[in-house]
């Protein structure tokens, strides 16, 4: 029995040892499995990492190409928008002149009033009527009355009038004693009278008729009795200019003593220009070879007076040589040409140009702020015009303060709007420049509203410049420096005479006769 128990304990001991070994082996196997799992996990991670890196490396060129294409597309879109904006710029939404519109269909930039077209209710219209002062005109020799009787002796009749003109050549014989000394005017046996000189000059300078056509015109209306040459017609124009020194002095004095002066300038083509010697400062006339020079015609004007000057360049040296703006101490109205801010006691900047540019920013760059500012400026002008119609010479101080604050609020709103726009976005540069300008030149843009004597636009000066451009369209260019100086001198006189309501033909005739016209 004892031996049997020993055997059992021995077997149990052996089984225990065997279990311990199995457990130890199990722990070892578990450790190996765990290690294998870790290795497998690391292997999978490594493989995934390598695969990802391989894929990433493989698609890098594609990503770079896509980024490059996106960049090119962005640049292309910006360029397309820029070109569209450039193409769509015209005289109605920018400061470009109408001559640059070309054949493009430019929409009417005028604001609709809502009024029906045509004459308004109560308008009597215009008809050809017999002058009420006909007897006076006949007495002065300005008209002639003829009667054609269709009554066959009837006592009661009605009258119908026909207005017409006649062209006839008048030869006036001047007799002098033999041996008497004749004035230079009568050295030749036959000369042209002051009537034909005045008519010729008027048609040439005001009517912009070429001398060739003008010579043909006189030949045709006189049935070949008078055949002035082109050179003779040119001398008439030169002779008039020579007699205008007194009138030009009066024009200059009137402008210098005016409260407000409008100024503008335009390029003109001329085969000659004046250059000034660096040492002697003396003028030297230069002639272009096979081309023309671009010279500058500058206009100075008010409601009753016009003066044109010519300079070779569009610079302050020419302004100083003109001697007008440096001696002017009133308010100067112009188109935001920065050199003009150096002259006058104050400067009013053209609101019409601003409105067109703001319209361009809205249409071309989608700036809602620009449209708000445009309507604000138009509202100011409407308010001013209403006040003037009511006989109010100045804006109410409280209203002025209100609008002044609204201007500042609009500028701040524009800055807030543009600050949200990314630097590279289309139109930010253009809108930012306008905001900066309106902030710096606030007083100049609002001067028309603070001082009702200052106009909202510089259209007066622009209208005065148009005949010069018409002349260039007809003739192509001026052939000499003397020619363009003569033309602008004569135009100054004629424009002033028209503004003052004087008879242009009689005024030109007075100049040829040596009779003063302006006072």
Protein backbone atom coordinates (compact mmCIF):
# COMPACT_ATOMS: atom_id res chain seq x y z
CA UNK A 1 0.00 0.00 0.00
CA UNK A 2 2.78 2.32 0.92
CA UNK A 3 4.58 1.57 -2.30
CA UNK A 4 1.41 2.22 -4.26
CA UNK A 5 1.02 5.66 -2.70
CA UNK A 6 4.54 6.54 -3.47
CA UNK A 7 3.94 5.65 -7.09
CA UNK A 8 0.88 7.84 -7.24
CA UNK A 9 2.69 10.82 -5.71
CA UNK A 10 5.53 10.30 -8.02
CA UNK A 11 3.18 10.26 -10.98
CA UNK A 12 1.46 13.41 -9.71
CA UNK A 13 4.81 15.09 -9.28
CA UNK A 14 5.79 14.09 -12.77
CA UNK A 15 2.44 15.36 -14.12
CA UNK A 16 2.90 18.64 -12.25
CA UNK A 17 6.38 19.06 -13.66
CA UNK A 18 5.03 18.22 -17.09
CA UNK A 19 2.20 20.76 -16.71
CA UNK A 20 4.66 23.41 -15.65
CA UNK A 21 6.74 22.66 -18.70
CA UNK A 22 3.64 22.80 -20.87
CA UNK A 23 2.61 26.11 -19.34
CA UNK A 24 6.09 27.48 -19.83
CA UNK A 25 6.05 26.26 -23.44
CA UNK A 26 2.61 27.80 -23.84
CA UNK A 27 3.87 31.15 -22.52
CA UNK A 28 6.85 30.90 -24.85
CA UNK A 29 4.59 30.14 -27.81
CA UNK A 30 2.27 32.98 -26.87
CA UNK A 31 5.26 35.30 -26.68
CA UNK A 32 6.44 34.13 -30.08
CA UNK A 33 2.94 34.54 -31.53
CA UNK A 34 2.72 38.02 -30.03
CA UNK A 35 6.14 38.85 -31.38
CA UNK A 36 5.12 37.51 -34.76
CA UNK A 37 1.99 39.59 -34.63
CA UNK A 38 4.01 42.68 -33.78
CA UNK A 39 6.40 41.90 -36.60
CA UNK A 40 3.47 41.34 -38.93
CA UNK A 41 1.88 44.61 -37.82
CA UNK A 42 5.17 46.46 -38.29
CA UNK A 43 5.60 44.74 -41.61
CA UNK A 44 2.11 45.80 -42.67
CA UNK A 45 2.75 49.35 -41.47
CA UNK A 46 6.08 49.41 -43.25
CA UNK A 47 4.52 48.01 -46.40
CA UNK A 48 1.67 50.51 -46.21
CA UNK A 49 4.13 53.31 -45.62
CA UNK A 50 6.28 52.18 -48.51
CA UNK A 51 3.26 51.78 -50.74
CA UNK A 52 2.01 55.24 -49.72
CA UNK A 53 5.41 56.77 -50.28
CA UNK A 54 5.67 55.03 -53.63
CA UNK A 55 2.21 56.22 -54.63
CA UNK A 56 2.92 59.73 -53.35
CA UNK A 57 6.20 59.80 -55.17
CA UNK A 58 4.54 58.52 -58.30
CA UNK A 59 1.76 61.16 -58.27
CA UNK A 60 4.03 64.13 -57.38
CA UNK A 61 4.65 64.94 -61.07
CA UNK A 62 0.92 64.76 -61.70
CA UNK A 63 0.19 67.04 -58.74
CA UNK A 64 2.83 69.50 -59.92
CA UNK A 65 1.39 69.42 -63.41
CA UNK A 66 -2.15 69.97 -62.07
CA UNK A 67 -0.93 72.86 -59.90
CA UNK A 68 0.88 74.31 -62.90
CA UNK A 69 -2.24 74.00 -65.04
CA UNK A 70 -4.37 75.56 -62.31
CA UNK A 71 -1.92 78.45 -62.08
CA UNK A 72 -1.92 78.88 -65.85
CA UNK A 73 -5.72 78.73 -65.89
CA UNK A 74 -5.93 81.33 -63.15
CA UNK A 75 -3.55 83.60 -65.04
CA UNK A 76 -5.48 83.01 -68.25
CA UNK A 77 -8.76 83.90 -66.54
CA UNK A 78 -7.23 87.06 -65.10
CA UNK A 79 -5.87 88.02 -68.52
CA UNK A 80 -9.24 87.29 -70.14
CA UNK A 81 -10.99 89.47 -67.57
CA UNK A 82 -8.38 92.21 -68.04
CA UNK A 83 -8.75 92.11 -71.81
CA UNK A 84 -12.54 92.12 -71.52
CA UNK A 85 -12.33 95.14 -69.25
CA UNK A 86 -9.97 96.87 -71.66
CA UNK A 87 -12.11 96.06 -74.70
CA UNK A 88 -15.31 97.15 -72.96
CA UNK A 89 -13.88 100.50 -71.87
CA UNK A 90 -15.42 103.37 -73.80
CA UNK A 91 -16.25 107.04 -73.45
CA UNK A 92 -19.34 106.12 -71.41
CA UNK A 93 -17.62 104.19 -68.60
CA UNK A 94 -14.10 105.62 -68.48
CA UNK A 95 -12.11 108.77 -69.21
CA UNK A 96 -11.40 107.67 -72.77
CA UNK A 97 -12.41 110.22 -75.44
CA UNK A 98 -15.25 109.38 -77.89
CA UNK A 99 -12.73 109.26 -80.75
CA UNK A 100 -11.39 105.97 -79.33
CA UNK A 101 -14.77 104.21 -79.48
CA UNK A 102 -14.20 103.13 -83.07
CA UNK A 103 -16.96 101.02 -84.60
CA UNK A 104 -18.07 99.50 -81.31
CA UNK A 105 -21.75 99.81 -80.45
CA UNK A 106 -21.58 102.12 -77.45
CA UNK A 107 -24.75 102.29 -75.35
CA UNK A 108 -26.17 105.68 -74.46
CA UNK A 109 -24.58 106.66 -71.14
CA UNK A 110 -27.23 109.26 -70.29
CA UNK A 111 -29.41 108.54 -67.30
CA UNK A 112 -33.10 108.07 -68.14
CA UNK A 113 -35.35 110.83 -66.80
CA UNK A 114 -38.65 109.06 -67.36
CA UNK A 115 -39.96 111.96 -69.46
CA UNK A 116 -41.49 111.14 -72.87
CA UNK A 117 -39.44 112.04 -75.96
CA UNK A 118 -40.19 115.12 -78.06
CA UNK A 119 -41.56 118.51 -77.15
CA UNK A 120 -43.22 118.81 -73.75
CA UNK A 121 -46.83 119.79 -73.21
CA UNK A 122 -47.35 123.49 -73.73
CA UNK A 123 -44.28 123.91 -75.93
CA UNK A 124 -45.24 126.15 -78.87
CA UNK A 125 -42.57 124.87 -81.21
CA UNK A 126 -40.66 126.92 -83.77
CA UNK A 127 -41.80 128.18 -87.15
CA UNK A 128 -40.37 130.54 -89.71
CA UNK A 129 -41.96 133.91 -89.03
CA UNK A 130 -41.66 137.40 -90.44
CA UNK A 131 -39.31 139.44 -88.21
CA UNK A 132 -41.16 141.89 -85.99
CA UNK A 133 -38.43 144.48 -86.66
CA UNK A 134 -38.49 144.06 -90.44
CA UNK A 135 -38.84 147.81 -91.04
CA UNK A 136 -35.81 148.44 -88.83
CA UNK A 137 -33.78 145.80 -90.71
CA UNK A 138 -34.69 147.43 -94.02
CA UNK A 139 -33.75 150.86 -92.68
CA UNK A 140 -30.33 149.56 -91.56
CA UNK A 141 -29.72 147.92 -94.93
CA UNK A 142 -29.75 144.44 -93.42
CA UNK A 143 -32.78 143.33 -95.45
CA UNK A 144 -34.78 144.29 -98.53
CA UNK A 145 -38.52 143.95 -99.09
CA UNK A 146 -39.98 143.20 -102.51
CA UNK A 147 -43.67 142.88 -103.34
CA UNK A 148 -45.14 140.50 -105.92
CA UNK A 149 -48.84 141.32 -106.41
CA UNK A 150 -51.10 138.35 -107.18
CA UNK A 151 -54.37 140.17 -106.27
CA UNK A 152 -55.44 141.41 -109.75
CA UNK A 153 -56.45 144.65 -108.09
CA UNK A 154 -58.40 143.14 -105.18
CA UNK A 155 -58.60 145.38 -102.11
CA UNK A 156 -58.73 142.62 -99.51
CA UNK A 157 -55.76 140.22 -99.53
CA UNK A 158 -53.63 138.00 -97.34
CA UNK A 159 -49.84 138.09 -97.31
CA UNK A 160 -47.42 135.22 -97.46
CA UNK A 161 -43.71 135.88 -97.15
CA UNK A 162 -40.68 134.17 -98.68
CA UNK A 163 -37.28 134.62 -97.01
CA UNK A 164 -34.25 134.21 -99.27
CA UNK A 165 -30.79 135.58 -99.91
CA UNK A 166 -28.95 136.73 -103.04
CA UNK A 167 -25.29 136.49 -103.92
CA UNK A 168 -23.88 139.15 -106.20
CA UNK A 169 -20.46 140.62 -106.78
CA UNK A 170 -20.04 144.30 -106.00
CA UNK A 171 -17.20 146.27 -107.57
CA UNK A 172 -16.52 149.53 -105.73
CA UNK A 173 -14.44 152.13 -107.51
CA UNK A 174 -12.27 154.35 -105.29
CA UNK A 175 -11.06 157.53 -107.01
CA UNK A 176 -7.99 159.43 -105.85
CA UNK A 177 -6.32 162.56 -107.24
CA UNK A 178 -3.47 161.83 -109.62
CA UNK A 179 -0.10 162.01 -107.97
CA UNK A 180 -1.49 161.50 -104.45
CA UNK A 181 0.25 159.00 -102.21
CA UNK A 182 -1.93 155.92 -101.77
CA UNK A 183 -2.02 153.79 -98.68
CA UNK A 184 -0.53 150.31 -98.83
CA UNK A 185 -4.04 148.91 -98.99
CA UNK A 186 -4.57 150.46 -102.45
CA UNK A 187 -1.18 149.79 -103.99
CA UNK A 188 -2.71 147.20 -106.33
CA UNK A 189 -5.36 148.09 -108.88
CA UNK A 190 -7.80 145.45 -107.54
CA UNK A 191 -8.13 144.06 -104.03
CA UNK A 192 -10.67 141.93 -102.16
CA UNK A 193 -13.10 143.68 -99.84
CA UNK A 194 -13.68 143.04 -96.16
CA UNK A 195 -16.97 141.20 -96.73
CA UNK A 196 -15.39 138.38 -98.69
CA UNK A 197 -12.47 138.33 -96.26
CA UNK A 198 -14.85 137.99 -93.31
CA UNK A 199 -17.02 135.33 -94.98
CA UNK A 200 -13.96 133.36 -96.06
CA UNK A 201 -12.43 133.47 -92.58
CA UNK A 202 -15.72 132.50 -90.94
CA UNK A 203 -16.20 129.49 -93.24
CA UNK A 204 -12.56 128.46 -92.85
CA UNK A 205 -12.16 128.82 -89.08
CA UNK A 206 -15.71 128.26 -87.83
CA UNK A 207 -17.09 126.16 -90.68
CA UNK A 208 -13.87 124.11 -90.95
CA UNK A 209 -14.02 124.17 -94.77
CA UNK A 210 -10.77 123.39 -96.58
CA UNK A 211 -9.26 126.16 -98.66
CA UNK A 212 -9.56 124.15 -101.86
CA UNK A 213 -13.29 123.68 -101.40
CA UNK A 214 -13.65 127.28 -100.25
CA UNK A 215 -11.97 128.58 -103.42
CA UNK A 216 -14.31 126.43 -105.50
CA UNK A 217 -17.30 127.68 -103.48
CA UNK A 218 -16.59 131.35 -104.24
CA UNK A 219 -16.04 130.58 -107.89
CA UNK A 220 -19.37 128.74 -108.12
CA UNK A 221 -21.57 131.26 -106.29
CA UNK A 222 -20.15 134.17 -108.35
CA UNK A 223 -20.32 132.31 -111.69
CA UNK A 224 -16.56 132.47 -111.99
CA UNK A 225 -16.35 136.24 -111.48
CA UNK A 226 -14.27 135.82 -108.31
CA UNK A 227 -11.66 133.07 -108.15
CA UNK A 228 -9.55 133.56 -105.03
CA UNK A 229 -6.61 131.17 -104.76
CA UNK A 230 -5.98 128.94 -101.75
CA UNK A 231 -2.98 131.11 -100.86
CA UNK A 232 -5.15 134.24 -100.92
CA UNK A 233 -7.73 132.61 -98.66
CA UNK A 234 -4.92 131.63 -96.29
CA UNK A 235 -3.77 135.24 -96.18
CA UNK A 236 -7.24 136.33 -95.12
CA UNK A 237 -7.02 134.00 -92.10
CA UNK A 238 -3.50 135.22 -91.27
CA UNK A 239 -4.56 138.85 -91.62
CA UNK A 240 -7.38 138.38 -89.15
CA UNK A 241 -5.04 136.81 -86.58
CA UNK A 242 -2.65 139.76 -86.93
CA UNK A 243 -5.46 142.12 -85.97
CA UNK A 244 -6.49 140.28 -82.79
CA UNK A 245 -3.78 141.37 -80.34
CA UNK A 246 -6.09 143.80 -78.55
CA UNK A 247 -8.94 141.31 -78.42
CA UNK A 248 -6.70 138.54 -77.06
CA UNK A 249 -5.48 140.86 -74.29
CA UNK A 250 -9.10 141.52 -73.31
CA UNK A 251 -9.86 137.79 -73.38
CA UNK A 252 -6.88 137.02 -71.12
CA UNK A 253 -7.83 139.79 -68.65
CA UNK A 254 -11.41 138.55 -68.48
CA UNK A 255 -10.26 135.01 -67.70
CA UNK A 256 -7.76 136.13 -65.08
CA UNK A 257 -10.41 138.21 -63.31
CA UNK A 258 -13.07 135.50 -63.35
CA UNK A 259 -14.12 133.58 -60.23
CA UNK A 260 -14.08 130.19 -61.97
CA UNK A 261 -12.05 129.06 -64.97
CA UNK A 262 -12.37 125.78 -66.82
CA UNK A 263 -9.22 124.27 -68.29
CA UNK A 264 -8.57 121.24 -70.46
CA UNK A 265 -6.17 120.17 -73.20
CA UNK A 266 -6.04 117.87 -76.19
CA UNK A 267 -3.28 116.52 -78.46
CA UNK A 268 -3.14 117.77 -82.04
CA UNK A 269 -0.99 116.76 -85.01
CA UNK A 270 1.39 119.26 -86.54
CA UNK A 271 4.30 118.92 -88.95
CA UNK A 272 6.28 121.41 -86.87
CA UNK A 273 6.86 122.14 -83.22
CA UNK A 274 8.91 124.54 -81.14
CA UNK A 275 11.86 123.36 -79.06
CA UNK A 276 13.74 125.61 -76.67
CA UNK A 277 17.52 125.84 -76.67
CA UNK A 278 18.90 124.62 -73.33
CA UNK A 279 21.39 127.48 -73.06
CA UNK A 280 19.71 130.49 -74.67
CA UNK A 281 16.10 129.34 -74.03
CA UNK A 282 15.27 130.70 -77.47
CA UNK A 283 12.53 128.93 -79.46
CA UNK A 284 13.59 126.89 -82.48
CA UNK A 285 11.03 125.53 -84.96
CA UNK A 286 11.62 121.86 -85.80
CA UNK A 287 10.05 120.09 -88.81
CA UNK A 288 9.11 116.42 -88.68
CA UNK A 289 10.47 114.19 -91.43
CA UNK A 290 7.92 111.81 -92.90
CA UNK A 291 5.60 112.08 -89.90
CA UNK A 292 3.98 114.60 -87.56
CA UNK A 293 4.54 115.82 -84.02
CA UNK A 294 1.94 115.58 -81.29
CA UNK A 295 1.46 119.06 -79.83
CA UNK A 296 -0.92 120.23 -77.11
CA UNK A 297 -3.78 122.71 -77.50
CA UNK A 298 -4.90 123.98 -74.10
CA UNK A 299 -8.25 125.62 -73.50
CA UNK A 300 -9.02 128.22 -70.84
CA UNK A 301 -12.65 129.26 -70.66
CA UNK A 302 -15.62 130.56 -68.72
CA UNK A 303 -19.22 131.21 -69.73
CA UNK A 304 -18.34 134.33 -71.76
CA UNK A 305 -14.74 133.88 -72.87
CA UNK A 306 -12.46 131.33 -74.56
CA UNK A 307 -8.70 131.26 -75.00
CA UNK A 308 -6.62 128.58 -76.72
CA UNK A 309 -2.86 128.21 -76.41
CA UNK A 310 -0.44 125.84 -78.16
CA UNK A 311 2.61 124.12 -76.70
CA UNK A 312 4.90 121.41 -77.99
CA UNK A 313 4.45 119.27 -74.88
CA UNK A 314 1.85 118.52 -72.25
CA UNK A 315 3.87 119.79 -69.31
CA UNK A 316 4.06 122.54 -66.71
CA UNK A 317 6.71 124.42 -68.70
CA UNK A 318 4.11 125.15 -71.36
CA UNK A 319 1.64 126.30 -68.69
CA UNK A 320 4.23 128.68 -67.32
CA UNK A 321 4.97 130.04 -70.82
CA UNK A 322 1.26 130.62 -71.45
CA UNK A 323 1.19 132.89 -68.42
CA UNK A 324 -2.50 132.30 -67.71
CA UNK A 325 -2.77 129.74 -64.92
CA UNK A 326 0.26 131.05 -62.96
CA UNK A 327 -1.54 134.43 -62.69
CA UNK A 328 -5.01 133.06 -61.95
CA UNK A 329 -6.22 133.22 -58.34
CA UNK A 330 -9.78 131.98 -58.66
CA UNK A 331 -11.17 128.43 -58.71
CA UNK A 332 -9.89 126.12 -61.42
CA UNK A 333 -12.19 123.39 -62.81
CA UNK A 334 -10.49 120.47 -64.59
CA UNK A 335 -10.45 116.69 -65.18
CA UNK A 336 -8.20 115.59 -62.30
CA UNK A 337 -5.03 116.43 -64.22
CA UNK A 338 -2.59 116.59 -61.30
CA UNK A 339 -0.45 119.38 -62.73
CA UNK A 340 -3.45 121.73 -62.62
CA UNK A 341 -3.72 121.35 -58.83
CA UNK A 342 -0.65 123.60 -58.62
CA UNK A 343 -2.66 126.60 -59.85
CA UNK A 344 -5.61 128.65 -58.69
CA UNK A 345 -6.76 129.27 -55.12
CA UNK A 346 -8.96 126.16 -55.27
CA UNK A 347 -9.63 123.25 -57.60
CA UNK A 348 -12.91 121.65 -58.58
CA UNK A 349 -12.57 118.20 -60.18
CA UNK A 350 -14.94 117.10 -62.93
CA UNK A 351 -17.81 114.99 -61.57
CA UNK A 352 -18.87 113.74 -65.01
CA UNK A 353 -15.50 112.04 -65.51
CA UNK A 354 -15.76 110.51 -62.05
CA UNK A 355 -19.27 109.18 -62.71
CA UNK A 356 -18.11 107.54 -65.95
CA UNK A 357 -15.13 105.92 -64.24
CA UNK A 358 -17.30 104.63 -61.39
CA UNK A 359 -19.69 103.20 -63.93
CA UNK A 360 -16.73 101.40 -65.50
CA UNK A 361 -15.67 99.94 -62.15
CA UNK A 362 -19.19 98.61 -61.67
CA UNK A 363 -19.60 97.23 -65.21
CA UNK A 364 -16.06 95.94 -65.73
CA UNK A 365 -15.06 94.83 -62.20
CA UNK A 366 -18.44 94.17 -60.53
CA UNK A 367 -17.86 96.69 -57.75
CA UNK A 368 -21.19 97.39 -56.04
CA UNK A 369 -19.51 100.16 -54.02
CA UNK A 370 -18.62 102.02 -57.22
CA UNK A 371 -22.27 101.95 -58.32
CA UNK A 372 -23.37 103.31 -54.93
CA UNK A 373 -20.81 106.12 -55.13
CA UNK A 374 -21.87 106.95 -58.70
CA UNK A 375 -25.51 107.36 -57.70
CA UNK A 376 -24.45 109.42 -54.68
CA UNK A 377 -22.56 111.93 -56.84
CA UNK A 378 -25.49 112.18 -59.26
CA UNK A 379 -27.80 112.75 -56.30
CA UNK A 380 -25.59 115.62 -55.12
CA UNK A 381 -25.76 117.23 -58.54
CA UNK A 382 -29.55 116.83 -58.70
CA UNK A 383 -29.85 118.44 -55.27
CA UNK A 384 -27.69 121.37 -56.38
CA UNK A 385 -29.66 121.87 -59.62
CA UNK A 386 -32.91 121.82 -57.65
CA UNK A 387 -31.57 124.48 -55.26
CA UNK A 388 -30.50 126.68 -58.17
CA UNK A 389 -33.94 126.37 -59.79
CA UNK A 390 -35.44 127.49 -56.49
CA UNK A 391 -33.15 130.51 -56.44
CA UNK A 392 -30.96 129.14 -53.66
CA UNK A 393 -27.35 130.18 -54.24
CA UNK A 394 -25.75 127.91 -51.65
CA UNK A 395 -26.43 124.57 -50.00
CA UNK A 396 -28.08 124.49 -46.58
CA UNK A 397 -25.30 123.98 -43.95
CA UNK A 398 -27.11 121.07 -42.27
CA UNK A 399 -27.66 119.35 -45.62
CA UNK A 400 -24.05 119.95 -46.52
CA UNK A 401 -22.91 118.36 -43.26
CA UNK A 402 -25.19 115.38 -43.86
CA UNK A 403 -23.88 114.71 -47.37
CA UNK A 404 -20.30 115.24 -46.21
CA UNK A 405 -20.78 112.47 -43.65
CA UNK A 406 -22.45 110.20 -46.22
CA UNK A 407 -19.42 110.63 -48.49
CA UNK A 408 -17.11 109.47 -45.68
CA UNK A 409 -19.39 106.53 -44.91
CA UNK A 410 -19.34 105.44 -48.55
CA UNK A 411 -15.56 105.59 -48.63
CA UNK A 412 -15.36 103.52 -45.45
CA UNK A 413 -17.83 101.02 -46.88
CA UNK A 414 -15.73 100.74 -50.02
CA UNK A 415 -12.59 100.10 -47.99
CA UNK A 416 -14.36 97.42 -45.95
CA UNK A 417 -15.55 95.79 -49.16
CA UNK A 418 -12.16 95.82 -50.87
CA UNK A 419 -10.33 94.56 -47.76
CA UNK A 420 -12.34 91.34 -48.00
CA UNK A 421 -11.11 90.78 -51.54
CA UNK A 422 -7.95 88.73 -52.00
CA UNK A 423 -4.94 90.59 -53.33
CA UNK A 424 -4.81 88.55 -56.51
CA UNK A 425 -8.52 88.90 -57.30
CA UNK A 426 -9.52 90.71 -60.46
CA UNK A 427 -10.35 94.40 -60.10
CA UNK A 428 -9.01 94.96 -56.58
CA UNK A 429 -6.17 97.17 -57.80
CA UNK A 430 -8.46 99.40 -59.87
CA UNK A 431 -11.09 99.82 -57.15
CA UNK A 432 -8.42 100.46 -54.50
CA UNK A 433 -6.88 103.21 -56.62
CA UNK A 434 -10.25 104.93 -56.99
CA UNK A 435 -10.91 104.71 -53.24
CA UNK A 436 -7.53 106.25 -52.51
CA UNK A 437 -8.15 109.04 -55.01
CA UNK A 438 -11.59 109.87 -53.62
CA UNK A 439 -10.21 109.93 -50.11
CA UNK A 440 -7.31 112.24 -50.96
CA UNK A 441 -9.25 114.56 -53.28
CA UNK A 442 -12.51 114.62 -51.35
CA UNK A 443 -12.64 118.42 -51.10
CA UNK A 444 -12.02 118.80 -54.84
CA UNK A 445 -14.76 116.39 -55.83
CA UNK A 446 -17.25 117.98 -53.41
CA UNK A 447 -16.34 121.60 -54.17
CA UNK A 448 -19.16 121.91 -56.74
CA UNK A 449 -21.64 121.13 -53.95
CA UNK A 450 -20.03 123.36 -51.33
CA UNK A 451 -19.70 126.29 -53.76
CA UNK A 452 -22.54 126.48 -56.28
CA UNK A 453 -20.49 128.75 -58.57
CA UNK A 454 -18.21 125.78 -59.31
CA UNK A 455 -19.62 123.49 -62.04
CA UNK A 456 -20.21 119.76 -61.52
CA UNK A 457 -18.52 118.99 -64.86
CA UNK A 458 -15.72 120.37 -66.97
CA UNK A 459 -17.90 120.00 -70.08
CA UNK A 460 -17.62 123.70 -70.93
CA UNK A 461 -13.92 123.35 -71.65
CA UNK A 462 -14.41 120.03 -73.42
CA UNK A 463 -17.05 121.53 -75.72
CA UNK A 464 -14.71 124.39 -76.52
CA UNK A 465 -12.02 121.91 -77.58
CA UNK A 466 -14.20 119.95 -80.02
CA UNK A 467 -13.83 122.34 -83.00
CA UNK A 468 -10.07 121.77 -82.84
CA UNK A 469 -10.54 118.02 -83.23
CA UNK A 470 -13.03 118.61 -86.05
CA UNK A 471 -10.44 120.73 -87.80
CA UNK A 472 -7.90 117.92 -87.49
CA UNK A 473 -10.39 115.41 -88.93
CA UNK A 474 -10.86 117.63 -91.98
CA UNK A 475 -7.25 118.56 -92.62
CA UNK A 476 -5.42 115.60 -91.07
CA UNK A 477 -2.84 117.83 -89.42
CA UNK A 478 -1.49 121.36 -89.34
CA UNK A 479 1.38 121.88 -91.72
CA UNK A 480 3.18 124.60 -89.79
CA UNK A 481 3.59 125.95 -86.29
CA UNK A 482 2.39 129.34 -87.52
CA UNK A 483 -0.73 127.68 -88.94
CA UNK A 484 -1.83 126.11 -85.66
CA UNK A 485 -1.02 129.28 -83.71
CA UNK A 486 -3.10 131.32 -86.18
CA UNK A 487 -6.01 128.88 -86.01
CA UNK A 488 -6.16 128.83 -82.20
CA UNK A 489 -5.89 132.63 -82.03
CA UNK A 490 -8.80 133.06 -84.44
CA UNK A 491 -10.80 130.33 -82.69
CA UNK A 492 -10.32 132.13 -79.35
CA UNK A 493 -11.90 135.26 -80.78
CA UNK A 494 -14.78 133.55 -82.62
CA UNK A 495 -15.71 131.35 -79.64
CA UNK A 496 -15.71 134.40 -77.34
CA UNK A 497 -17.87 136.41 -79.76
CA UNK A 498 -20.40 133.55 -79.96
CA UNK A 499 -20.56 133.20 -76.17
CA UNK A 500 -21.29 136.92 -75.85
CA UNK A 501 -24.09 136.81 -78.39
CA UNK A 502 -22.37 139.08 -80.92
CA UNK A 503 -22.77 138.70 -84.67
CA UNK A 504 -19.78 136.60 -85.71
CA UNK A 505 -19.59 137.77 -89.33
CA UNK A 506 -19.84 141.45 -88.38
CA UNK A 507 -17.25 140.96 -85.63
CA UNK A 508 -14.75 139.41 -88.07
CA UNK A 509 -15.42 142.19 -90.55
CA UNK A 510 -14.74 144.76 -87.81
CA UNK A 511 -11.36 143.15 -87.18
CA UNK A 512 -10.43 143.54 -90.85
CA UNK A 513 -11.58 147.17 -90.67
CA UNK A 514 -9.54 147.80 -87.51
CA UNK A 515 -12.64 148.39 -85.36
CA UNK A 516 -12.58 147.13 -81.75
CA UNK A 517 -15.09 144.39 -80.97
CA UNK A 518 -14.65 143.24 -77.36
CA UNK A 519 -14.75 145.41 -74.30
